[in-house]
């Protein structure tokens, strides 16, 4: 039985070391590939570089009306960003009247403002300057093909826009001069298209054609669909972080974390001996599980998020310290090692749960009421705390019981207990 337990423990150690190797270096064999964690973790702007902008609504709207306008504004900003090819944007509503936009890969703050912050008045204008309709009347704008297989932009208007467009196209179609049958589509005083009226559009659906490529048609469709923001937005916060600065911060954070982990591992081994070894194995698994969850959730890892992870590591170590101190107390009153382990875990459980629950409550409050980096800190803290509870009360317990059954030693010194002369 002892040999079987030793074999099981050895296999566990091998699996943990293998998981550590794969998380650092990855594996690639034929068509099977495991990427290292560093390649899979999505980095936030403070680590990867980019621009973030916080916009505030200038409006008297409140309650549901404000919520609706902010939701529309967020959708329009997302449309602009997605349509113009900015990779993996993060666009969130904060405090009901603010929108945070995080754009990776942009190094010019003004470029971000020009891209997302403008009010953007879209108008359809007749040759004599009369406005037919605005972007508010455009329901949809998509790239498609007509019956002659020409690439173009299909437009759909709301009821008001359909009526106005029908009246205008019917009237312009009868103009004798070609230049008098052109409708200019103007975005922020810039003409983005000048289609020629060739038919009376009665059903609120129009098709713009004329030498488009897929890219140029997509660009026009996105500009038209973006339309105008429902409310005026002003920037209240803006920041640009270069990729080199972000990577330097990441490297320093990783270096600091490694130094901290080495010191923690050494502390646990010196003060708790065999239980310390078990705790280090469990802590290694804890780190792998937490990073795996972060990757699985597709969450962005930020500097505050790293701080949350480091804090949760401290909580995980603290849980093991509480358990091992309880075990030592049981041994000091003369109980056997096996009995002390069982009693120590039972006595420590309520303390560990109480300490983690209070921190979990704080994390939930930070996540619910916090914004931006604060929420990133809260997310990693919550993930870390829940995982630490699992590793301390399940994995550490299973491994320590396995070590006891291996009967490597009966000396209580190997469990951190100092013998007292009587």
Protein backbone atom coordinates (compact mmCIF):
# COMPACT_ATOMS: atom_id res chain seq x y z
CA UNK A 1 0.00 0.00 0.00
CA UNK A 2 2.85 2.38 0.86
CA UNK A 3 4.52 1.74 -2.47
CA UNK A 4 1.23 2.31 -4.28
CA UNK A 5 0.76 5.68 -2.55
CA UNK A 6 4.34 6.65 -3.35
CA UNK A 7 3.78 5.76 -7.01
CA UNK A 8 0.60 7.84 -7.11
CA UNK A 9 2.37 10.83 -5.54
CA UNK A 10 5.28 10.48 -7.98
CA UNK A 11 2.84 10.42 -10.93
CA UNK A 12 1.13 13.54 -9.59
CA UNK A 13 4.48 15.33 -9.38
CA UNK A 14 5.34 14.29 -12.94
CA UNK A 15 1.96 15.51 -14.22
CA UNK A 16 2.35 18.84 -12.43
CA UNK A 17 5.87 19.32 -13.79
CA UNK A 18 4.61 18.38 -17.27
CA UNK A 19 1.80 20.92 -17.00
CA UNK A 20 4.30 23.59 -15.93
CA UNK A 21 6.51 22.77 -18.91
CA UNK A 22 3.59 22.95 -21.35
CA UNK A 23 2.38 26.24 -19.87
CA UNK A 24 5.83 27.78 -20.36
CA UNK A 25 7.06 26.22 -23.60
CA UNK A 26 4.02 24.61 -25.21
CA UNK A 27 4.14 21.58 -27.48
CA UNK A 28 3.86 21.02 -31.21
CA UNK A 29 3.69 17.58 -32.81
CA UNK A 30 2.44 17.15 -36.37
CA UNK A 31 -1.02 18.76 -36.38
CA UNK A 32 -1.35 18.78 -32.59
CA UNK A 33 -0.28 21.96 -30.86
CA UNK A 34 -0.43 23.28 -27.31
CA UNK A 35 0.46 26.95 -27.08
CA UNK A 36 2.27 28.32 -24.02
CA UNK A 37 0.15 30.40 -21.67
CA UNK A 38 1.94 33.61 -22.59
CA UNK A 39 0.81 33.27 -26.21
CA UNK A 40 -2.79 32.60 -25.21
CA UNK A 41 -3.32 35.31 -22.59
CA UNK A 42 -4.89 38.49 -23.95
CA UNK A 43 -3.13 41.55 -22.60
CA UNK A 44 -4.90 44.78 -21.71
CA UNK A 45 -3.89 48.14 -23.08
CA UNK A 46 -1.60 48.90 -20.16
CA UNK A 47 0.47 45.86 -21.14
CA UNK A 48 0.07 45.58 -24.92
CA UNK A 49 -0.12 49.27 -25.77
CA UNK A 50 -2.95 51.26 -27.31
CA UNK A 51 -5.41 54.03 -26.54
CA UNK A 52 -8.34 54.31 -24.20
CA UNK A 53 -10.89 57.10 -24.26
CA UNK A 54 -13.67 57.88 -21.79
CA UNK A 55 -16.58 59.83 -23.31
CA UNK A 56 -19.34 61.52 -21.32
CA UNK A 57 -22.81 62.28 -22.64
CA UNK A 58 -23.83 65.94 -22.79
CA UNK A 59 -27.60 65.57 -22.36
CA UNK A 60 -30.49 66.31 -20.04
CA UNK A 61 -31.92 62.83 -20.54
CA UNK A 62 -32.34 60.67 -17.44
CA UNK A 63 -33.65 57.23 -16.49
CA UNK A 64 -34.73 54.92 -19.26
CA UNK A 65 -34.34 57.58 -21.94
CA UNK A 66 -30.68 58.02 -21.01
CA UNK A 67 -30.13 54.26 -20.93
CA UNK A 68 -31.60 53.88 -24.41
CA UNK A 69 -29.50 56.70 -25.85
CA UNK A 70 -26.33 55.36 -24.27
CA UNK A 71 -27.05 51.87 -25.60
CA UNK A 72 -27.56 53.33 -29.09
CA UNK A 73 -24.39 55.39 -28.79
CA UNK A 74 -22.40 52.35 -27.71
CA UNK A 75 -23.76 50.36 -30.67
CA UNK A 76 -22.86 53.14 -33.12
CA UNK A 77 -19.34 53.51 -31.71
CA UNK A 78 -18.89 49.73 -31.90
CA UNK A 79 -20.09 49.86 -35.52
CA UNK A 80 -17.55 52.54 -36.39
CA UNK A 81 -14.68 50.76 -34.69
CA UNK A 82 -15.55 47.33 -36.12
CA UNK A 83 -16.19 48.74 -39.57
CA UNK A 84 -12.85 50.48 -39.73
CA UNK A 85 -10.86 47.41 -38.69
CA UNK A 86 -9.67 48.19 -35.15
CA UNK A 87 -8.83 44.83 -33.59
CA UNK A 88 -10.58 43.53 -30.47
CA UNK A 89 -12.07 46.78 -29.13
CA UNK A 90 -13.48 46.94 -25.61
CA UNK A 91 -16.48 49.28 -25.41
CA UNK A 92 -18.41 49.52 -22.14
CA UNK A 93 -20.93 51.85 -20.52
CA UNK A 94 -19.83 53.26 -17.15
CA UNK A 95 -21.92 55.09 -14.57
CA UNK A 96 -24.86 55.23 -17.04
CA UNK A 97 -23.64 58.40 -18.81
CA UNK A 98 -20.08 57.45 -19.81
CA UNK A 99 -18.57 55.12 -22.39
CA UNK A 100 -15.06 53.69 -22.13
CA UNK A 101 -13.45 52.70 -25.42
CA UNK A 102 -10.22 50.71 -25.39
CA UNK A 103 -8.46 50.29 -28.72
CA UNK A 104 -5.37 48.12 -29.00
CA UNK A 105 -2.78 49.04 -31.57
CA UNK A 106 -3.52 52.76 -31.89
CA UNK A 107 -0.66 55.00 -30.81
CA UNK A 108 -2.27 58.38 -31.61
CA UNK A 109 -4.89 59.56 -29.08
CA UNK A 110 -6.32 62.10 -31.50
CA UNK A 111 -6.85 59.35 -34.04
CA UNK A 112 -9.10 57.59 -31.53
CA UNK A 113 -11.07 60.79 -30.87
CA UNK A 114 -11.50 61.42 -34.59
CA UNK A 115 -12.64 57.85 -35.06
CA UNK A 116 -15.22 57.49 -32.31
CA UNK A 117 -15.89 60.76 -30.56
CA UNK A 118 -17.44 62.92 -33.24
CA UNK A 119 -21.17 63.54 -33.43
CA UNK A 120 -21.17 62.65 -37.17
CA UNK A 121 -24.12 64.27 -38.91
CA UNK A 122 -25.15 62.19 -41.92
CA UNK A 123 -27.40 63.87 -44.50
CA UNK A 124 -28.88 63.08 -47.91
CA UNK A 125 -28.95 66.38 -49.82
CA UNK A 126 -30.57 67.45 -53.10
CA UNK A 127 -28.57 69.45 -55.75
CA UNK A 128 -30.17 72.75 -54.58
CA UNK A 129 -29.07 72.09 -50.96
CA UNK A 130 -32.34 70.79 -49.48
CA UNK A 131 -31.86 68.00 -46.88
CA UNK A 132 -33.97 64.99 -47.84
CA UNK A 133 -33.28 62.89 -44.72
CA UNK A 134 -30.58 62.23 -42.12
CA UNK A 135 -28.75 59.27 -40.68
CA UNK A 136 -31.53 58.90 -38.12
CA UNK A 137 -33.77 57.68 -40.96
CA UNK A 138 -31.39 54.94 -42.15
CA UNK A 139 -32.33 51.52 -40.77
CA UNK A 140 -29.62 49.51 -42.47
CA UNK A 141 -26.76 49.77 -44.93
CA UNK A 142 -25.07 46.62 -46.25
CA UNK A 143 -22.83 45.48 -49.08
CA UNK A 144 -24.66 43.34 -51.62
CA UNK A 145 -25.08 42.61 -55.35
CA UNK A 146 -27.83 43.77 -57.72
CA UNK A 147 -29.51 41.76 -60.45
CA UNK A 148 -26.59 42.50 -62.81
CA UNK A 149 -24.16 41.09 -60.22
CA UNK A 150 -22.69 44.51 -59.51
CA UNK A 151 -21.21 45.23 -56.09
CA UNK A 152 -22.97 48.04 -54.29
CA UNK A 153 -24.55 49.32 -51.09
CA UNK A 154 -28.16 48.47 -50.25
CA UNK A 155 -29.98 51.05 -48.12
CA UNK A 156 -33.16 50.65 -46.08
CA UNK A 157 -35.00 53.67 -44.61
CA UNK A 158 -37.57 54.00 -41.87
CA UNK A 159 -41.14 55.12 -42.68
CA UNK A 160 -40.33 58.84 -42.53
CA UNK A 161 -37.16 58.37 -44.58
CA UNK A 162 -38.96 56.15 -47.13
CA UNK A 163 -41.66 58.77 -47.71
CA UNK A 164 -39.14 61.61 -48.06
CA UNK A 165 -36.88 59.57 -50.36
CA UNK A 166 -39.80 58.52 -52.52
CA UNK A 167 -40.91 62.14 -52.97
CA UNK A 168 -37.38 63.33 -53.74
CA UNK A 169 -36.44 60.58 -56.22
CA UNK A 170 -39.79 60.91 -57.99
CA UNK A 171 -39.25 64.63 -58.44
CA UNK A 172 -35.52 64.50 -59.30
CA UNK A 173 -36.08 61.77 -61.87
CA UNK A 174 -37.95 64.32 -64.01
CA UNK A 175 -35.10 66.86 -64.00
CA UNK A 176 -33.76 67.35 -67.54
CA UNK A 177 -30.09 67.84 -66.57
CA UNK A 178 -28.08 64.90 -65.18
CA UNK A 179 -26.31 67.03 -62.57
CA UNK A 180 -29.74 67.93 -61.18
CA UNK A 181 -30.54 64.26 -60.53
CA UNK A 182 -27.66 63.64 -58.08
CA UNK A 183 -28.19 63.08 -54.36
CA UNK A 184 -25.14 63.87 -52.26
CA UNK A 185 -24.54 61.74 -49.14
CA UNK A 186 -22.69 64.01 -46.71
CA UNK A 187 -21.00 62.97 -43.47
CA UNK A 188 -19.75 65.84 -41.31
CA UNK A 189 -19.78 68.23 -44.30
CA UNK A 190 -17.78 65.76 -46.38
CA UNK A 191 -19.35 64.17 -49.45
CA UNK A 192 -18.85 60.42 -49.16
CA UNK A 193 -21.01 59.45 -52.17
CA UNK A 194 -22.95 61.13 -54.97
CA UNK A 195 -25.35 58.57 -56.45
CA UNK A 196 -27.35 59.37 -59.58
CA UNK A 197 -31.14 58.95 -59.38
CA UNK A 198 -32.12 56.42 -62.05
CA UNK A 199 -35.51 55.30 -60.70
CA UNK A 200 -38.37 56.37 -58.47
CA UNK A 201 -37.72 54.63 -55.14
CA UNK A 202 -41.12 54.01 -53.51
CA UNK A 203 -40.50 51.16 -51.04
CA UNK A 204 -37.80 52.70 -48.85
CA UNK A 205 -35.07 50.46 -50.29
CA UNK A 206 -32.31 51.81 -52.50
CA UNK A 207 -29.19 50.44 -54.13
CA UNK A 208 -26.04 52.49 -54.77
CA UNK A 209 -23.82 51.08 -57.52
CA UNK A 210 -20.99 52.31 -59.72
CA UNK A 211 -17.54 50.77 -59.86
CA UNK A 212 -17.31 49.64 -56.21
CA UNK A 213 -14.87 47.11 -54.87
CA UNK A 214 -15.73 45.03 -51.81
CA UNK A 215 -13.54 47.29 -49.66
CA UNK A 216 -14.88 50.58 -50.97
CA UNK A 217 -18.49 49.36 -50.74
CA UNK A 218 -17.91 48.13 -47.19
CA UNK A 219 -16.37 51.46 -46.23
CA UNK A 220 -19.36 53.39 -47.61
CA UNK A 221 -21.86 51.02 -45.98
CA UNK A 222 -20.16 51.41 -42.62
CA UNK A 223 -20.03 55.19 -42.87
CA UNK A 224 -23.72 55.38 -43.73
CA UNK A 225 -24.76 52.87 -41.08
CA UNK A 226 -22.74 54.64 -38.39
CA UNK A 227 -24.89 57.72 -38.87
CA UNK A 228 -25.11 60.22 -36.05
CA UNK A 229 -24.69 59.66 -32.33
CA UNK A 230 -27.98 60.09 -30.42
CA UNK A 231 -26.26 62.43 -27.94
CA UNK A 232 -23.25 64.70 -27.99
CA UNK A 233 -20.21 63.08 -26.37
CA UNK A 234 -17.20 64.88 -24.91
CA UNK A 235 -13.94 63.24 -23.93
CA UNK A 236 -13.18 63.38 -20.20
CA UNK A 237 -10.19 61.04 -20.13
CA UNK A 238 -7.75 59.87 -22.74
CA UNK A 239 -4.47 58.03 -22.56
CA UNK A 240 -2.03 56.40 -24.95
CA UNK A 241 0.42 53.68 -23.93
CA UNK A 242 3.21 52.59 -26.23
CA UNK A 243 3.73 48.85 -26.74
CA UNK A 244 7.31 49.00 -25.50
CA UNK A 245 6.25 50.59 -22.20
CA UNK A 246 3.48 48.02 -21.79
CA UNK A 247 5.80 45.08 -22.44
CA UNK A 248 8.35 46.50 -20.02
CA UNK A 249 5.66 46.69 -17.35
CA UNK A 250 4.67 43.09 -18.11
CA UNK A 251 8.25 41.82 -17.90
CA UNK A 252 8.79 43.60 -14.59
CA UNK A 253 5.54 42.22 -13.21
CA UNK A 254 6.47 38.68 -14.23
CA UNK A 255 9.95 39.06 -12.71
CA UNK A 256 8.50 40.38 -9.45
CA UNK A 257 5.95 37.56 -9.35
CA UNK A 258 8.67 34.95 -9.91
CA UNK A 259 10.80 36.36 -7.09
CA UNK A 260 7.77 36.38 -4.80
CA UNK A 261 6.87 32.78 -5.66
CA UNK A 262 10.42 31.56 -5.07
CA UNK A 263 10.43 33.20 -1.64
CA UNK A 264 7.02 31.71 -0.82
CA UNK A 265 8.11 28.22 -1.90
CA UNK A 266 11.27 28.52 0.20
CA UNK A 267 9.31 29.77 3.23
CA UNK A 268 6.84 26.90 3.07
CA UNK A 269 9.59 24.28 2.76
CA UNK A 270 11.69 25.73 5.60
CA UNK A 271 8.87 26.20 8.11
CA UNK A 272 6.55 23.28 7.26
CA UNK A 273 8.82 20.67 5.62
CA UNK A 274 6.62 17.93 4.10
CA UNK A 275 3.36 19.91 4.33
CA UNK A 276 5.28 22.80 2.75
CA UNK A 277 6.20 20.59 -0.20
CA UNK A 278 2.54 19.62 -0.57
CA UNK A 279 1.53 23.28 -0.38
CA UNK A 280 4.01 24.18 -3.12
CA UNK A 281 2.60 21.49 -5.41
CA UNK A 282 -0.94 22.71 -4.70
CA UNK A 283 0.11 26.33 -5.23
CA UNK A 284 1.65 25.43 -8.59
CA UNK A 285 -1.61 23.78 -9.61
CA UNK A 286 -3.47 26.84 -8.33
CA UNK A 287 -1.47 29.16 -10.61
CA UNK A 288 -2.02 26.90 -13.63
CA UNK A 289 -5.77 26.67 -12.95
CA UNK A 290 -6.20 30.42 -12.48
CA UNK A 291 -4.31 31.30 -15.67
CA UNK A 292 -6.26 28.61 -17.52
CA UNK A 293 -9.55 30.13 -16.35
CA UNK A 294 -8.42 33.62 -17.42
CA UNK A 295 -7.55 32.25 -20.87
CA UNK A 296 -10.80 30.28 -21.05
CA UNK A 297 -12.86 33.37 -20.22
CA UNK A 298 -10.99 35.29 -22.94
CA UNK A 299 -10.37 38.02 -20.36
CA UNK A 300 -7.83 40.80 -20.84
CA UNK A 301 -5.01 40.67 -18.32
CA UNK A 302 -4.05 44.12 -17.03
CA UNK A 303 -1.61 45.39 -14.42
CA UNK A 304 -4.42 45.72 -11.84
CA UNK A 305 -5.46 42.20 -12.84
CA UNK A 306 -1.95 40.93 -12.13
CA UNK A 307 -2.17 42.67 -8.76
CA UNK A 308 -5.41 40.79 -8.09
CA UNK A 309 -3.74 37.50 -8.97
CA UNK A 310 -0.78 38.20 -6.69
CA UNK A 311 -3.13 39.11 -3.85
CA UNK A 312 -5.08 35.89 -4.38
CA UNK A 313 -1.80 33.93 -4.30
CA UNK A 314 -1.21 35.45 -0.87
CA UNK A 315 -4.69 34.34 0.19
CA UNK A 316 -3.98 30.82 -1.10
CA UNK A 317 -0.72 30.64 0.88
CA UNK A 318 -2.48 32.06 3.95
CA UNK A 319 -5.06 29.28 3.78
CA UNK A 320 -2.31 26.66 3.79
CA UNK A 321 -0.55 28.39 6.68
CA UNK A 322 -3.77 28.32 8.73
CA UNK A 323 -4.22 24.60 7.98
CA UNK A 324 -0.65 23.67 8.82
CA UNK A 325 -0.64 25.67 12.06
CA UNK A 326 -3.80 23.85 13.16
CA UNK A 327 -2.12 20.53 12.32
CA UNK A 328 0.95 21.51 14.34
CA UNK A 329 -1.25 22.42 17.31
CA UNK A 330 -2.87 18.98 17.17
CA UNK A 331 0.53 17.28 17.06
CA UNK A 332 1.82 19.32 19.98
CA UNK A 333 -0.90 17.94 22.25
CA UNK A 334 0.22 14.39 21.47
CA UNK A 335 -2.04 13.28 18.63
CA UNK A 336 -0.76 11.06 15.84
CA UNK A 337 0.18 12.56 12.49
CA UNK A 338 -2.86 11.09 10.70
CA UNK A 339 -5.29 12.23 13.39
CA UNK A 340 -3.66 15.66 13.51
CA UNK A 341 -4.09 16.12 9.76
CA UNK A 342 -7.80 15.25 9.91
CA UNK A 343 -8.43 17.46 12.95
CA UNK A 344 -6.31 20.31 11.59
CA UNK A 345 -8.32 20.55 8.38
CA UNK A 346 -11.62 20.49 10.27
CA UNK A 347 -10.54 23.23 12.65
CA UNK A 348 -9.09 25.39 9.87
CA UNK A 349 -12.04 25.13 7.49
CA UNK A 350 -14.34 27.67 9.19
CA UNK A 351 -11.52 30.21 9.53
CA UNK A 352 -10.52 29.88 5.88
CA UNK A 353 -14.10 30.10 4.60
CA UNK A 354 -14.88 33.16 6.75
CA UNK A 355 -11.74 34.99 5.61
CA UNK A 356 -12.37 34.25 1.94
CA UNK A 357 -16.08 35.05 2.03
CA UNK A 358 -15.43 38.56 3.36
CA UNK A 359 -12.88 39.16 0.61
CA UNK A 360 -15.24 37.69 -1.98
CA UNK A 361 -17.91 40.17 -0.92
CA UNK A 362 -15.43 43.02 -1.37
CA UNK A 363 -14.50 41.65 -4.81
CA UNK A 364 -18.14 41.45 -5.91
CA UNK A 365 -18.74 45.06 -4.79
CA UNK A 366 -15.65 46.22 -6.70
CA UNK A 367 -16.78 44.37 -9.82
CA UNK A 368 -20.35 45.68 -9.66
CA UNK A 369 -19.57 49.32 -8.91
CA UNK A 370 -16.05 49.61 -10.29
CA UNK A 371 -14.97 50.72 -13.74
CA UNK A 372 -12.14 49.85 -16.11
CA UNK A 373 -8.99 48.69 -14.27
CA UNK A 374 -10.89 48.28 -10.99
CA UNK A 375 -13.15 45.66 -12.56
CA UNK A 376 -10.09 43.91 -13.99
CA UNK A 377 -8.63 43.72 -10.49
CA UNK A 378 -11.94 42.41 -9.12
CA UNK A 379 -12.28 39.70 -11.79
CA UNK A 380 -8.86 38.18 -11.21
CA UNK A 381 -9.26 38.50 -7.45
CA UNK A 382 -12.58 36.61 -7.52
CA UNK A 383 -11.19 33.91 -9.81
CA UNK A 384 -8.13 33.55 -7.58
CA UNK A 385 -10.09 33.38 -4.33
CA UNK A 386 -12.51 30.72 -5.55
CA UNK A 387 -9.62 28.67 -6.95
CA UNK A 388 -7.63 29.06 -3.73
CA UNK A 389 -10.55 27.68 -1.73
CA UNK A 390 -10.63 24.66 -4.01
CA UNK A 391 -6.88 24.01 -3.92
CA UNK A 392 -6.56 24.53 -0.15
CA UNK A 393 -9.57 22.49 0.96
CA UNK A 394 -9.47 19.79 -1.73
CA UNK A 395 -6.09 19.44 -3.46
CA UNK A 396 -3.88 20.21 -0.45
CA UNK A 397 -5.98 17.87 1.71
CA UNK A 398 -5.80 14.99 -0.76
CA UNK A 399 -2.06 15.39 -1.30
CA UNK A 400 -1.26 15.70 2.40
CA UNK A 401 -3.30 12.61 3.26
CA UNK A 402 -1.46 10.79 0.48
CA UNK A 403 1.89 11.83 1.97
CA UNK A 404 0.81 10.61 5.42
CA UNK A 405 -0.22 7.23 3.99
CA UNK A 406 3.18 6.94 2.31
CA UNK A 407 4.66 6.79 5.86
CA UNK A 408 7.91 8.44 4.77
CA UNK A 409 8.67 9.47 8.34
CA UNK A 410 7.07 9.52 11.74
CA UNK A 411 9.16 12.41 12.95
CA UNK A 412 6.96 15.39 13.71
CA UNK A 413 9.90 17.64 12.88
CA UNK A 414 9.20 16.89 9.23
CA UNK A 415 5.81 18.55 9.77
CA UNK A 416 7.32 21.70 11.25
CA UNK A 417 6.76 20.75 14.88
CA UNK A 418 9.55 21.54 17.30
CA UNK A 419 10.11 18.90 19.94
CA UNK A 420 9.85 20.22 23.47
CA UNK A 421 11.86 18.67 26.32
CA UNK A 422 9.68 17.52 29.18
